[in-house]
Amino acid sequence: MKMGVKMNRDFIGYFLGMIIFMMGIPYMMYLASGSPDLTYFSLNHTIMLILLAIVGIGLSIWSIVYMKNVGKGNPFDAFNHEVAPRTTSLMTDGPYGICRNPMLLGVFIYHFGVLMAL
């Protein structure tokens, strides 16, 4: 496979992940919470959301970069169709020393921040 095609597939995969996990699910949470008026966000809500978003997204990005650089693989597949090669060894250092699935933990922390802000 040509390098340009692989880079395009990686970009599309990460872009779709961002749309679904960082925008789509929080929007559904917003709708499920009764579509609150966001103009009355307190400073505490905003600070909590920003801090948890930075921690959560940072952990997820660190996990993906670590998997790509150290594990020589990619976490993304779509409906059991491999988009990029999988890692061939178990990673236990870096973010994977914190928990078994730090990408999911990062997304959970981010979503918890959105939930608490709403």
Protein backbone atom coordinates (compact mmCIF):
# COMPACT_ATOMS: atom_id res chain seq x y z
CA MET A 1 0.00 0.00 0.00
CA LYS A 2 1.29 3.45 -0.84
CA MET A 3 2.28 5.74 2.01
CA GLY A 4 -0.21 8.46 0.99
CA VAL A 5 -3.15 6.05 1.02
CA LYS A 6 -2.13 4.74 4.47
CA MET A 7 -1.83 8.27 5.85
CA ASN A 8 -5.26 9.14 4.42
CA ARG A 9 -6.81 6.04 6.02
CA ASP A 10 -5.18 6.87 9.38
CA PHE A 11 -6.43 10.46 9.17
CA ILE A 12 -9.97 9.37 8.28
CA GLY A 13 -9.98 6.86 11.13
CA TYR A 14 -8.79 9.36 13.73
CA PHE A 15 -11.15 12.03 12.38
CA LEU A 16 -14.14 9.66 12.64
CA GLY A 17 -13.08 8.71 16.16
CA MET A 18 -12.92 12.38 17.13
CA ILE A 19 -16.35 13.09 15.63
CA ILE A 20 -17.99 10.11 17.36
CA PHE A 21 -16.31 10.15 20.78
CA MET A 22 -15.47 13.82 21.30
CA MET A 23 -18.48 15.45 19.66
CA GLY A 24 -21.25 12.94 18.93
CA ILE A 25 -21.55 11.31 22.34
CA PRO A 26 -21.32 14.62 24.28
CA TYR A 27 -24.02 16.03 22.00
CA MET A 28 -26.26 13.04 22.79
CA MET A 29 -25.53 13.63 26.50
CA TYR A 30 -26.56 17.28 26.03
CA LEU A 31 -29.83 16.24 24.40
CA ALA A 32 -30.49 13.57 27.06
CA SER A 33 -29.97 16.13 29.83
CA GLY A 34 -32.84 18.23 28.51
CA SER A 35 -30.78 20.59 26.35
CA PRO A 36 -29.82 22.97 29.17
CA ASP A 37 -29.19 26.63 28.42
CA LEU A 38 -25.40 26.83 28.21
CA THR A 39 -25.32 30.60 28.68
CA TYR A 40 -25.66 30.01 32.44
CA PHE A 41 -22.54 27.84 32.70
CA SER A 42 -20.79 28.77 35.91
CA LEU A 43 -17.06 29.34 36.04
CA ASN A 44 -16.69 26.18 38.15
CA HIS A 45 -18.47 24.08 35.50
CA THR A 46 -16.30 25.51 32.76
CA ILE A 47 -13.06 24.96 34.69
CA MET A 48 -14.06 21.38 35.57
CA LEU A 49 -14.95 20.62 31.96
CA ILE A 50 -11.70 22.10 30.63
CA LEU A 51 -9.50 20.29 33.17
CA LEU A 52 -11.16 16.90 32.68
CA ALA A 53 -11.16 17.38 28.91
CA ILE A 54 -7.42 18.14 28.88
CA VAL A 55 -6.63 15.13 31.09
CA GLY A 56 -8.93 12.76 29.20
CA ILE A 57 -8.01 13.79 25.67
CA GLY A 58 -4.33 13.98 26.62
CA LEU A 59 -4.36 10.43 27.99
CA SER A 60 -6.13 9.14 24.88
CA ILE A 61 -3.72 10.86 22.50
CA TRP A 62 -0.70 9.69 24.52
CA SER A 63 -2.04 6.12 24.31
CA ILE A 64 -2.56 6.27 20.55
CA VAL A 65 0.86 7.81 19.90
CA TYR A 66 2.54 5.28 22.23
CA MET A 67 0.78 2.38 20.51
CA LYS A 68 1.78 3.67 17.08
CA ASN A 69 5.43 4.38 17.97
CA VAL A 70 6.28 1.60 20.43
CA GLY A 71 3.76 -1.08 19.51
CA LYS A 72 4.10 -0.41 15.77
CA GLY A 73 0.37 -0.72 15.36
CA ASN A 74 -2.91 1.06 15.47
CA PRO A 75 -5.97 0.67 17.72
CA PHE A 76 -8.59 1.41 15.09
CA ASP A 77 -10.79 -1.09 13.32
CA ALA A 78 -14.27 -0.71 11.94
CA PHE A 79 -16.79 -3.53 12.25
CA ASN A 80 -14.06 -6.20 12.42
CA HIS A 81 -12.33 -4.75 9.35
CA GLU A 82 -8.73 -3.89 10.17
CA VAL A 83 -7.92 -0.36 9.10
CA ALA A 84 -4.26 -0.52 10.15
CA PRO A 85 -1.95 -3.29 11.35
CA ARG A 86 -2.43 -4.40 14.95
CA THR A 87 0.33 -4.47 17.51
CA THR A 88 2.09 -7.80 17.82
CA SER A 89 3.15 -7.61 21.47
CA LEU A 90 1.52 -6.72 24.76
CA MET A 91 2.41 -3.20 25.88
CA THR A 92 2.81 -2.75 29.63
CA ASP A 93 4.79 0.51 29.84
CA GLY A 94 3.87 4.14 29.31
CA PRO A 95 0.14 4.81 29.50
CA TYR A 96 -0.49 1.05 29.45
CA GLY A 97 1.29 0.87 32.82
CA ILE A 98 -1.53 3.00 34.26
CA CYS A 99 -4.39 0.76 33.11
CA ARG A 100 -5.08 -1.87 30.47
CA ASN A 101 -7.04 0.44 28.16
CA PRO A 102 -5.88 4.03 28.69
CA MET A 103 -7.61 5.24 25.51
CA LEU A 104 -10.98 4.23 26.91
CA LEU A 105 -10.10 5.67 30.33
CA GLY A 106 -9.22 8.98 28.66
CA VAL A 107 -12.53 9.07 26.79
CA PHE A 108 -14.36 8.16 30.03
CA ILE A 109 -12.64 11.03 31.92
CA TYR A 110 -13.57 13.44 29.11
CA HIS A 111 -17.20 12.27 29.06
CA PHE A 112 -17.37 12.49 32.86
CA GLY A 113 -16.29 16.14 32.58
CA VAL A 114 -19.02 16.82 30.02
CA LEU A 115 -21.57 15.02 32.20
CA MET A 116 -20.60 16.99 35.30
CA ALA A 117 -20.71 20.28 33.37
CA LEU A 118 -24.20 19.51 32.06
